[in-house]
C-alpha atoms as a PDB file:
ATOM      1  CA  UNK A   1     -19.691  -8.279  11.373  1.00  0.00           C
ATOM      2  CA  UNK A   2     -21.181  -9.224   7.988  1.00  0.00           C
ATOM      3  CA  UNK A   3     -21.727  -5.569   7.117  1.00  0.00           C
ATOM      4  CA  UNK A   4     -18.143  -4.716   8.079  1.00  0.00           C
ATOM      5  CA  UNK A   5     -16.782  -7.584   5.967  1.00  0.00           C
ATOM      6  CA  UNK A   6     -18.882  -6.355   3.047  1.00  0.00           C
ATOM      7  CA  UNK A   7     -17.528  -2.813   3.411  1.00  0.00           C
ATOM      8  CA  UNK A   8     -13.953  -4.111   3.664  1.00  0.00           C
ATOM      9  CA  UNK A   9     -14.506  -6.334   0.616  1.00  0.00           C
ATOM     10  CA  UNK A  10     -15.852  -3.384  -1.366  1.00  0.00           C
ATOM     11  CA  UNK A  11     -13.013  -1.102  -0.242  1.00  0.00           C
ATOM     12  CA  UNK A  12     -10.217  -3.541  -0.969  1.00  0.00           C
ATOM     13  CA  UNK A  13     -11.991  -4.717  -4.118  1.00  0.00           C
ATOM     14  CA  UNK A  14     -11.816  -1.127  -5.340  1.00  0.00           C
ATOM     15  CA  UNK A  15      -8.074  -0.955  -4.597  1.00  0.00           C
ATOM     16  CA  UNK A  16      -7.567  -4.224  -6.493  1.00  0.00           C
ATOM     17  CA  UNK A  17      -9.570  -2.870  -9.441  1.00  0.00           C
ATOM     18  CA  UNK A  18      -7.397   0.250  -9.544  1.00  0.00           C
ATOM     19  CA  UNK A  19      -4.262  -1.904  -9.582  1.00  0.00           C
ATOM     20  CA  UNK A  20      -5.726  -3.752 -12.553  1.00  0.00           C
ATOM     21  CA  UNK A  21      -6.554  -0.515 -14.392  1.00  0.00           C
ATOM     22  CA  UNK A  22      -3.062   0.814 -13.730  1.00  0.00           C
ATOM     23  CA  UNK A  23      -1.523  -2.372 -15.075  1.00  0.00           C
ATOM     24  CA  UNK A  24      -3.422  -1.767 -18.328  1.00  0.00           C
ATOM     25  CA  UNK A  25      -1.130   1.212 -18.981  1.00  0.00           C
ATOM     26  CA  UNK A  26       1.260  -1.341 -20.462  1.00  0.00           C
ATOM     27  CA  UNK A  27      -0.970  -1.352 -23.544  1.00  0.00           C
ATOM     28  CA  UNK A  28      -0.751   2.446 -23.937  1.00  0.00           C
ATOM     29  CA  UNK A  29       2.873   3.348 -23.168  1.00  0.00           C
ATOM     30  CA  UNK A  30       5.072   1.706 -25.766  1.00  0.00           C
ATOM     31  CA  UNK A  31       8.270   3.752 -25.813  1.00  0.00           C
ATOM     32  CA  UNK A  32      10.809   2.930 -23.110  1.00  0.00           C
ATOM     33  CA  UNK A  33      11.805   6.563 -22.497  1.00  0.00           C
ATOM     34  CA  UNK A  34       8.173   7.506 -21.954  1.00  0.00           C
ATOM     35  CA  UNK A  35       7.608   4.498 -19.702  1.00  0.00           C
ATOM     36  CA  UNK A  36      10.580   5.268 -17.439  1.00  0.00           C
ATOM     37  CA  UNK A  37       9.444   8.873 -16.972  1.00  0.00           C
ATOM     38  CA  UNK A  38       5.931   7.788 -16.073  1.00  0.00           C
ATOM     39  CA  UNK A  39       7.237   5.151 -13.658  1.00  0.00           C
ATOM     40  CA  UNK A  40       9.120   7.860 -11.776  1.00  0.00           C
ATOM     41  CA  UNK A  41       5.989   9.995 -11.462  1.00  0.00           C
ATOM     42  CA  UNK A  42       3.861   6.985 -10.501  1.00  0.00           C
ATOM     43  CA  UNK A  43       6.249   5.847  -7.762  1.00  0.00           C
ATOM     44  CA  UNK A  44       6.461   9.349  -6.322  1.00  0.00           C
ATOM     45  CA  UNK A  45       2.682   9.748  -6.262  1.00  0.00           C
ATOM     46  CA  UNK A  46       2.222   6.365  -4.567  1.00  0.00           C
ATOM     47  CA  UNK A  47       4.820   7.316  -1.948  1.00  0.00           C
ATOM     48  CA  UNK A  48       3.054  10.597  -1.164  1.00  0.00           C
ATOM     49  CA  UNK A  49      -0.321   8.917  -0.735  1.00  0.00           C
ATOM     50  CA  UNK A  50       1.112   6.263   1.580  1.00  0.00           C
ATOM     51  CA  UNK A  51       2.935   8.821   3.746  1.00  0.00           C
ATOM     52  CA  UNK A  52      -0.250  10.852   4.269  1.00  0.00           C
ATOM     53  CA  UNK A  53      -2.358   7.719   4.823  1.00  0.00           C
ATOM     54  CA  UNK A  54       0.104   6.419   7.406  1.00  0.00           C
ATOM     55  CA  UNK A  55      -0.173   9.641   9.431  1.00  0.00           C
ATOM     56  CA  UNK A  56      -3.832  10.691   9.104  1.00  0.00           C
ATOM     57  CA  UNK A  57      -5.513   7.309   8.689  1.00  0.00           C
ATOM     58  CA  UNK A  58      -3.359   5.094  10.908  1.00  0.00           C
ATOM     59  CA  UNK A  59      -1.022   6.807  13.380  1.00  0.00           C
ATOM     60  CA  UNK A  60      -3.387   9.573  14.529  1.00  0.00           C
ATOM     61  CA  UNK A  61      -6.296   7.102  14.995  1.00  0.00           C
ATOM     62  CA  UNK A  62      -3.902   4.769  16.853  1.00  0.00           C
ATOM     63  CA  UNK A  63      -2.999   7.561  19.288  1.00  0.00           C
ATOM     64  CA  UNK A  64      -6.630   8.598  19.744  1.00  0.00           C
ATOM     65  CA  UNK A  65      -7.749   4.992  20.277  1.00  0.00           C
ATOM     66  CA  UNK A  66      -5.025   4.400  22.867  1.00  0.00           C
ATOM     67  CA  UNK A  67      -5.935   7.565  24.766  1.00  0.00           C
ATOM     68  CA  UNK A  68      -9.614   6.546  24.779  1.00  0.00           C
ATOM     69  CA  UNK A  69      -8.498   3.322  26.505  1.00  0.00           C
ATOM     70  CA  UNK A  70      -6.641   5.300  29.156  1.00  0.00           C
ATOM     71  CA  UNK A  71      -3.147   4.675  27.792  1.00  0.00           C
ATOM     72  CA  UNK A  72      -0.391   7.072  26.817  1.00  0.00           C
ATOM     73  CA  UNK A  73      -1.049   7.498  23.108  1.00  0.00           C
ATOM     74  CA  UNK A  74       2.564   7.540  21.999  1.00  0.00           C
ATOM     75  CA  UNK A  75       3.460   4.131  23.497  1.00  0.00           C
ATOM     76  CA  UNK A  76       1.374   1.848  21.215  1.00  0.00           C
ATOM     77  CA  UNK A  77       1.904   4.244  18.302  1.00  0.00           C
ATOM     78  CA  UNK A  78       5.691   4.002  18.602  1.00  0.00           C
ATOM     79  CA  UNK A  79       5.722   0.320  19.550  1.00  0.00           C
ATOM     80  CA  UNK A  80       3.405  -0.794  16.768  1.00  0.00           C
ATOM     81  CA  UNK A  81       5.286   1.392  14.294  1.00  0.00           C
ATOM     82  CA  UNK A  82       8.583  -0.348  15.105  1.00  0.00           C
ATOM     83  CA  UNK A  83       6.959  -3.793  14.913  1.00  0.00           C
ATOM     84  CA  UNK A  84       5.552  -2.988  11.468  1.00  0.00           C
ATOM     85  CA  UNK A  85       8.998  -2.012  10.230  1.00  0.00           C
ATOM     86  CA  UNK A  86      10.510  -5.176  11.700  1.00  0.00           C
ATOM     87  CA  UNK A  87       7.808  -7.291  10.048  1.00  0.00           C
ATOM     88  CA  UNK A  88       8.489  -5.911   6.568  1.00  0.00           C
ATOM     89  CA  UNK A  89      12.246  -6.154   7.075  1.00  0.00           C
ATOM     90  CA  UNK A  90      11.802  -9.799   8.037  1.00  0.00           C
ATOM     91  CA  UNK A  91       9.725 -10.542   4.952  1.00  0.00           C
ATOM     92  CA  UNK A  92      12.270  -8.715   2.782  1.00  0.00           C
ATOM     93  CA  UNK A  93      14.990 -10.918   4.258  1.00  0.00           C
ATOM     94  CA  UNK A  94      13.126 -14.235   4.035  1.00  0.00           C
ATOM     95  CA  UNK A  95      11.012 -13.985   0.877  1.00  0.00           C
ATOM     96  CA  UNK A  96      12.849 -14.203  -2.458  1.00  0.00           C
ATOM     97  CA  UNK A  97      11.960 -11.211  -4.625  1.00  0.00           C
ATOM     98  CA  UNK A  98      13.317  -8.904  -7.298  1.00  0.00           C
ATOM     99  CA  UNK A  99      12.568  -5.192  -7.501  1.00  0.00           C
ATOM    100  CA  UNK A 100      11.995  -3.688 -10.966  1.00  0.00           C
ATOM    101  CA  UNK A 101      15.236  -2.273 -12.322  1.00  0.00           C
ATOM    102  CA  UNK A 102      17.418  -4.406 -10.046  1.00  0.00           C
ATOM    103  CA  UNK A 103      19.899  -6.919 -11.406  1.00  0.00           C
ATOM    104  CA  UNK A 104      20.097  -9.209  -8.375  1.00  0.00           C
ATOM    105  CA  UNK A 105      17.211 -10.687  -6.368  1.00  0.00           C
ATOM    106  CA  UNK A 106      16.914 -10.189  -2.622  1.00  0.00           C
ATOM    107  CA  UNK A 107      15.848 -12.484   0.191  1.00  0.00           C
ATOM    108  CA  UNK A 108      16.398 -16.233   0.393  1.00  0.00           C
ATOM    109  CA  UNK A 109      18.037 -17.915  -2.574  1.00  0.00           C
ATOM    110  CA  UNK A 110      15.662 -19.533  -5.037  1.00  0.00           C
ATOM    111  CA  UNK A 111      15.430 -20.762  -8.607  1.00  0.00           C
ATOM    112  CA  UNK A 112      12.263 -18.830  -9.410  1.00  0.00           C
ATOM    113  CA  UNK A 113      12.006 -16.895 -12.672  1.00  0.00           C
ATOM    114  CA  UNK A 114      12.714 -13.165 -12.716  1.00  0.00           C
ATOM    115  CA  UNK A 115       9.078 -12.397 -13.490  1.00  0.00           C
ATOM    116  CA  UNK A 116       7.898 -14.420 -10.499  1.00  0.00           C
ATOM    117  CA  UNK A 117      10.398 -12.668  -8.239  1.00  0.00           C
ATOM    118  CA  UNK A 118       9.256  -9.257  -9.477  1.00  0.00           C
ATOM    119  CA  UNK A 119       5.610 -10.095  -8.773  1.00  0.00           C
ATOM    120  CA  UNK A 120       6.548 -11.322  -5.286  1.00  0.00           C
ATOM    121  CA  UNK A 121       8.320  -8.024  -4.570  1.00  0.00           C
ATOM    122  CA  UNK A 122       5.232  -5.925  -5.237  1.00  0.00           C
ATOM    123  CA  UNK A 123       2.804  -8.443  -3.750  1.00  0.00           C
ATOM    124  CA  UNK A 124       4.811  -8.333  -0.535  1.00  0.00           C
ATOM    125  CA  UNK A 125       4.433  -4.569  -0.317  1.00  0.00           C
ATOM    126  CA  UNK A 126       0.676  -4.648  -0.994  1.00  0.00           C
ATOM    127  CA  UNK A 127       0.030  -6.558   2.246  1.00  0.00           C
ATOM    128  CA  UNK A 128       0.117  -3.538   4.600  1.00  0.00           C
ATOM    129  CA  UNK A 129      -2.174  -1.586   2.256  1.00  0.00           C
ATOM    130  CA  UNK A 130      -4.856  -4.273   2.488  1.00  0.00           C
ATOM    131  CA  UNK A 131      -4.390  -4.437   6.251  1.00  0.00           C
ATOM    132  CA  UNK A 132      -4.748  -0.662   6.556  1.00  0.00           C
ATOM    133  CA  UNK A 133      -8.086  -0.572   4.716  1.00  0.00           C
ATOM    134  CA  UNK A 134      -9.428  -3.565   6.648  1.00  0.00           C
ATOM    135  CA  UNK A 135      -8.352  -2.080   9.980  1.00  0.00           C
ATOM    136  CA  UNK A 136     -10.068   1.227   9.207  1.00  0.00           C
ATOM    137  CA  UNK A 137     -13.405  -0.487   8.622  1.00  0.00           C
ATOM    138  CA  UNK A 138     -12.889  -2.719  11.664  1.00  0.00           C
ATOM    139  CA  UNK A 139     -12.226   0.350  13.823  1.00  0.00           C
ATOM    140  CA  UNK A 140     -15.460   1.944  12.610  1.00  0.00           C
ATOM    141  CA  UNK A 141     -17.390  -1.236  13.452  1.00  0.00           C
ATOM    142  CA  UNK A 142     -15.879  -1.392  16.945  1.00  0.00           C
ATOM    143  CA  UNK A 143     -17.196   2.115  17.589  1.00  0.00           C
ATOM    144  CA  UNK A 144     -20.766   1.177  16.780  1.00  0.00           C
ATOM    145  CA  UNK A 145     -20.615   2.026  13.099  1.00  0.00           C
ATOM    146  CA  UNK A 146     -19.578   5.645  13.690  1.00  0.00           C
ATOM    147  CA  UNK A 147     -20.382   7.437  10.381  1.00  0.00           C
ATOM    148  CA  UNK A 148     -17.276   9.633  10.701  1.00  0.00           C
ATOM    149  CA  UNK A 149     -15.036   6.583  11.054  1.00  0.00           C
ATOM    150  CA  UNK A 150     -16.728   4.868   8.121  1.00  0.00           C
ATOM    151  CA  UNK A 151     -16.163   8.018   6.059  1.00  0.00           C
ATOM    152  CA  UNK A 152     -12.512   7.994   7.091  1.00  0.00           C
ATOM    153  CA  UNK A 153     -12.225   4.307   6.111  1.00  0.00           C
ATOM    154  CA  UNK A 154     -13.774   5.038   2.714  1.00  0.00           C
ATOM    155  CA  UNK A 155     -11.400   7.967   2.248  1.00  0.00           C
ATOM    156  CA  UNK A 156      -8.458   5.666   2.964  1.00  0.00           C
ATOM    157  CA  UNK A 157      -9.742   3.049   0.511  1.00  0.00           C
ATOM    158  CA  UNK A 158     -10.201   5.768  -2.102  1.00  0.00           C
ATOM    159  CA  UNK A 159      -6.692   7.129  -1.499  1.00  0.00           C
ATOM    160  CA  UNK A 160      -5.064   3.691  -1.593  1.00  0.00           C
ATOM    161  CA  UNK A 161      -7.034   2.899  -4.740  1.00  0.00           C
ATOM    162  CA  UNK A 162      -5.885   6.100  -6.434  1.00  0.00           C
ATOM    163  CA  UNK A 163      -2.243   5.343  -5.673  1.00  0.00           C
ATOM    164  CA  UNK A 164      -2.704   1.732  -6.784  1.00  0.00           C
ATOM    165  CA  UNK A 165      -3.364   2.947 -10.317  1.00  0.00           C
ATOM    166  CA  UNK A 166       0.174   4.283 -10.794  1.00  0.00           C
ATOM    167  CA  UNK A 167       1.544   1.422  -8.716  1.00  0.00           C
ATOM    168  CA  UNK A 168      -0.065  -1.107 -11.052  1.00  0.00           C
ATOM    169  CA  UNK A 169       1.501   0.684 -14.017  1.00  0.00           C
ATOM    170  CA  UNK A 170       4.859   0.699 -12.262  1.00  0.00           C
ATOM    171  CA  UNK A 171       4.656  -3.092 -12.081  1.00  0.00           C
ATOM    172  CA  UNK A 172       3.546  -3.925 -15.603  1.00  0.00           C
ATOM    173  CA  UNK A 173       5.755  -1.396 -17.436  1.00  0.00           C
ATOM    174  CA  UNK A 174       9.109  -2.727 -16.124  1.00  0.00           C
ATOM    175  CA  UNK A 175       7.981  -6.260 -16.924  1.00  0.00           C
ATOM    176  CA  UNK A 176       7.305  -5.202 -20.500  1.00  0.00           C
ATOM    177  CA  UNK A 177      10.832  -3.774 -20.612  1.00  0.00           C
ATOM    178  CA  UNK A 178      12.092  -7.173 -19.437  1.00  0.00           C
ATOM    179  CA  UNK A 179      10.750  -8.624 -22.677  1.00  0.00           C
ATOM    180  CA  UNK A 180       7.491 -10.043 -21.330  1.00  0.00           C
ATOM    181  CA  UNK A 181       4.467  -9.706 -23.574  1.00  0.00           C
ATOM    182  CA  UNK A 182       2.016  -6.893 -22.840  1.00  0.00           C
ATOM    183  CA  UNK A 183      -0.726  -9.366 -21.975  1.00  0.00           C
ATOM    184  CA  UNK A 184       1.357 -11.274 -19.442  1.00  0.00           C
ATOM    185  CA  UNK A 185       2.768  -8.062 -17.958  1.00  0.00           C
ATOM    186  CA  UNK A 186      -0.797  -6.814 -17.477  1.00  0.00           C
ATOM    187  CA  UNK A 187      -1.870 -10.086 -15.840  1.00  0.00           C
ATOM    188  CA  UNK A 188       1.085 -10.154 -13.456  1.00  0.00           C
ATOM    189  CA  UNK A 189       0.574  -6.519 -12.520  1.00  0.00           C
ATOM    190  CA  UNK A 190      -3.118  -7.049 -11.883  1.00  0.00           C
ATOM    191  CA  UNK A 191      -2.702 -10.170  -9.761  1.00  0.00           C
ATOM    192  CA  UNK A 192      -0.071  -8.518  -7.556  1.00  0.00           C
ATOM    193  CA  UNK A 193      -2.952  -6.608  -5.956  1.00  0.00           C
ATOM    194  CA  UNK A 194      -5.041  -9.652  -5.025  1.00  0.00           C
ATOM    195  CA  UNK A 195      -3.436  -9.782  -1.569  1.00  0.00           C
ATOM    196  CA  UNK A 196      -5.169  -6.526  -0.618  1.00  0.00           C
ATOM    197  CA  UNK A 197      -8.726  -7.979  -0.510  1.00  0.00           C
ATOM    198  CA  UNK A 198      -7.363 -11.138   1.109  1.00  0.00           C
ATOM    199  CA  UNK A 199      -5.543  -9.373   3.932  1.00  0.00           C
ATOM    200  CA  UNK A 200      -8.202  -6.684   4.260  1.00  0.00           C
ATOM    201  CA  UNK A 201     -10.952  -9.238   4.910  1.00  0.00           C
ATOM    202  CA  UNK A 202      -8.720 -11.395   7.147  1.00  0.00           C
ATOM    203  CA  UNK A 203      -7.958  -8.317   9.237  1.00  0.00           C
ATOM    204  CA  UNK A 204     -11.666  -7.631   9.751  1.00  0.00           C
ATOM    205  CA  UNK A 205     -12.293 -11.255  10.720  1.00  0.00           C
ATOM    206  CA  UNK A 206      -9.683 -11.212  13.491  1.00  0.00           C
ATOM    207  CA  UNK A 207     -10.273  -7.620  14.587  1.00  0.00           C
ATOM    208  CA  UNK A 208     -13.106  -8.566  16.931  1.00  0.00           C
ATOM    209  CA  UNK A 209     -10.626 -10.342  19.176  1.00  0.00           C
ATOM    210  CA  UNK A 210      -7.931  -7.677  19.086  1.00  0.00           C
ATOM    211  CA  UNK A 211      -9.855  -4.583  20.122  1.00  0.00           C
ATOM    212  CA  UNK A 212      -7.602  -3.952  23.163  1.00  0.00           C
ATOM    213  CA  UNK A 213      -4.522  -3.902  20.933  1.00  0.00           C
ATOM    214  CA  UNK A 214      -6.108  -2.050  18.010  1.00  0.00           C
ATOM    215  CA  UNK A 215      -3.818   0.992  18.549  1.00  0.00           C
ATOM    216  CA  UNK A 216      -0.804  -1.286  18.193  1.00  0.00           C
ATOM    217  CA  UNK A 217      -2.165  -2.896  15.026  1.00  0.00           C
ATOM    218  CA  UNK A 218      -2.994   0.450  13.409  1.00  0.00           C
ATOM    219  CA  UNK A 219       0.527   1.706  14.104  1.00  0.00           C
ATOM    220  CA  UNK A 220       1.902  -1.637  12.869  1.00  0.00           C
ATOM    221  CA  UNK A 221       0.278  -1.063   9.466  1.00  0.00           C
ATOM    222  CA  UNK A 222       1.648   2.497   9.399  1.00  0.00           C
ATOM    223  CA  UNK A 223       5.192   1.317  10.093  1.00  0.00           C
ATOM    224  CA  UNK A 224       4.962  -1.352   7.408  1.00  0.00           C
ATOM    225  CA  UNK A 225       3.648   1.148   4.844  1.00  0.00           C
ATOM    226  CA  UNK A 226       6.308   3.756   5.577  1.00  0.00           C
ATOM    227  CA  UNK A 227       9.003   1.090   5.345  1.00  0.00           C
ATOM    228  CA  UNK A 228       7.840   0.398   1.791  1.00  0.00           C
ATOM    229  CA  UNK A 229       7.854   4.122   1.010  1.00  0.00           C
ATOM    230  CA  UNK A 230      11.402   4.771   2.211  1.00  0.00           C
ATOM    231  CA  UNK A 231      12.900   1.469   1.090  1.00  0.00           C
ATOM    232  CA  UNK A 232      11.371   1.214  -2.374  1.00  0.00           C
ATOM    233  CA  UNK A 233       9.058   3.936  -3.642  1.00  0.00           C
ATOM    234  CA  UNK A 234      11.055   7.106  -3.035  1.00  0.00           C
ATOM    235  CA  UNK A 235      14.326   5.638  -4.382  1.00  0.00           C
ATOM    236  CA  UNK A 236      12.448   4.435  -7.471  1.00  0.00           C
ATOM    237  CA  UNK A 237      10.930   7.884  -7.960  1.00  0.00           C
ATOM    238  CA  UNK A 238      14.365   9.521  -8.057  1.00  0.00           C
ATOM    239  CA  UNK A 239      16.316   7.178 -10.299  1.00  0.00           C
ATOM    240  CA  UNK A 240      18.011   8.808 -13.241  1.00  0.00           C
ATOM    241  CA  UNK A 241      17.938  12.461 -14.284  1.00  0.00           C
ATOM    242  CA  UNK A 242      15.325  15.130 -13.536  1.00  0.00           C
ATOM    243  CA  UNK A 243      14.459  13.802 -10.072  1.00  0.00           C
ATOM    244  CA  UNK A 244      12.197  16.812  -9.511  1.00  0.00           C
ATOM    245  CA  UNK A 245       9.550  14.867 -11.442  1.00  0.00           C
ATOM    246  CA  UNK A 246       9.532  12.192  -8.754  1.00  0.00           C
ATOM    247  CA  UNK A 247       9.568  14.830  -6.019  1.00  0.00           C
ATOM    248  CA  UNK A 248       6.510  16.569  -7.446  1.00  0.00           C
ATOM    249  CA  UNK A 249       4.819  13.181  -7.657  1.00  0.00           C
ATOM    250  CA  UNK A 250       5.402  12.657  -3.914  1.00  0.00           C
ATOM    251  CA  UNK A 251       4.024  16.101  -3.106  1.00  0.00           C
ATOM    252  CA  UNK A 252       0.948  15.562  -5.296  1.00  0.00           C
ATOM    253  CA  UNK A 253       0.212  12.177  -3.721  1.00  0.00           C
ATOM    254  CA  UNK A 254       0.568  13.558  -0.198  1.00  0.00           C
ATOM    255  CA  UNK A 255      -1.724  16.483  -1.016  1.00  0.00           C
ATOM    256  CA  UNK A 256      -4.439  14.289  -2.544  1.00  0.00           C
ATOM    257  CA  UNK A 257      -4.510  11.855   0.403  1.00  0.00           C
ATOM    258  CA  UNK A 258      -4.430  14.653   2.983  1.00  0.00           C
ATOM    259  CA  UNK A 259      -7.381  16.404   1.355  1.00  0.00           C
ATOM    260  CA  UNK A 260      -9.345  13.173   1.064  1.00  0.00           C
ATOM    261  CA  UNK A 261      -8.803  12.234   4.699  1.00  0.00           C
ATOM    262  CA  UNK A 262      -9.566  15.674   6.129  1.00  0.00           C
ATOM    263  CA  UNK A 263     -12.519  16.364   3.832  1.00  0.00           C
ATOM    264  CA  UNK A 264     -14.168  12.944   4.110  1.00  0.00           C
ATOM    265  CA  UNK A 265     -12.925  11.821   7.527  1.00  0.00           C
END
């Protein structure tokens, strides 16, 4: 268990570090026109990575794990997928938050500042990413430390980390456009990723008692991630003119994550 927690901490720590590095882009991109164009590419790339990760790293392992337990693979995959979507929809409805570029906040009414609401929006969507990395390492541990499963978990952490770089930039850059100082925008963008190590390690800690429902939990994380992709990332990647930039970003992200998972997993 200690070794698995260490691996999960390292994996999610890497994803948090990449969010921090991406947030530092606020110090490099000064012009608004340049920032908006990069945001579109960043959001598309993040969407592509999360789509591929949801399929190769979560849904396919969920089906295989269910079949190894003697179940029909599609039942927990579909059921967990729907539950993950419902979970994110519930959080979207209950938690006050504001998406970058939006005029009105969503969720329950509150008197929080716009910056706080923007951080909450992205922090909310980082939860399933941390869960996904933690679950991958927990699955490897449950199979006796299978090297192939550990490689797959590391590939997922690497892929999520890569997409967290543009995601971090896509948080800090809009905040700078809101009039927040570069330093504060960087700090807010960086700290939005802290939930990934938290939820990644928590997932490993409880995974020992949920082995029978692991297929459901894997599919749950996939549903939550794809909800974020369709609800937020893809629309953000196609705002404004020249939407082919966002489209190419999605394709590039999908390709990178697919190669990582197949080559390393």
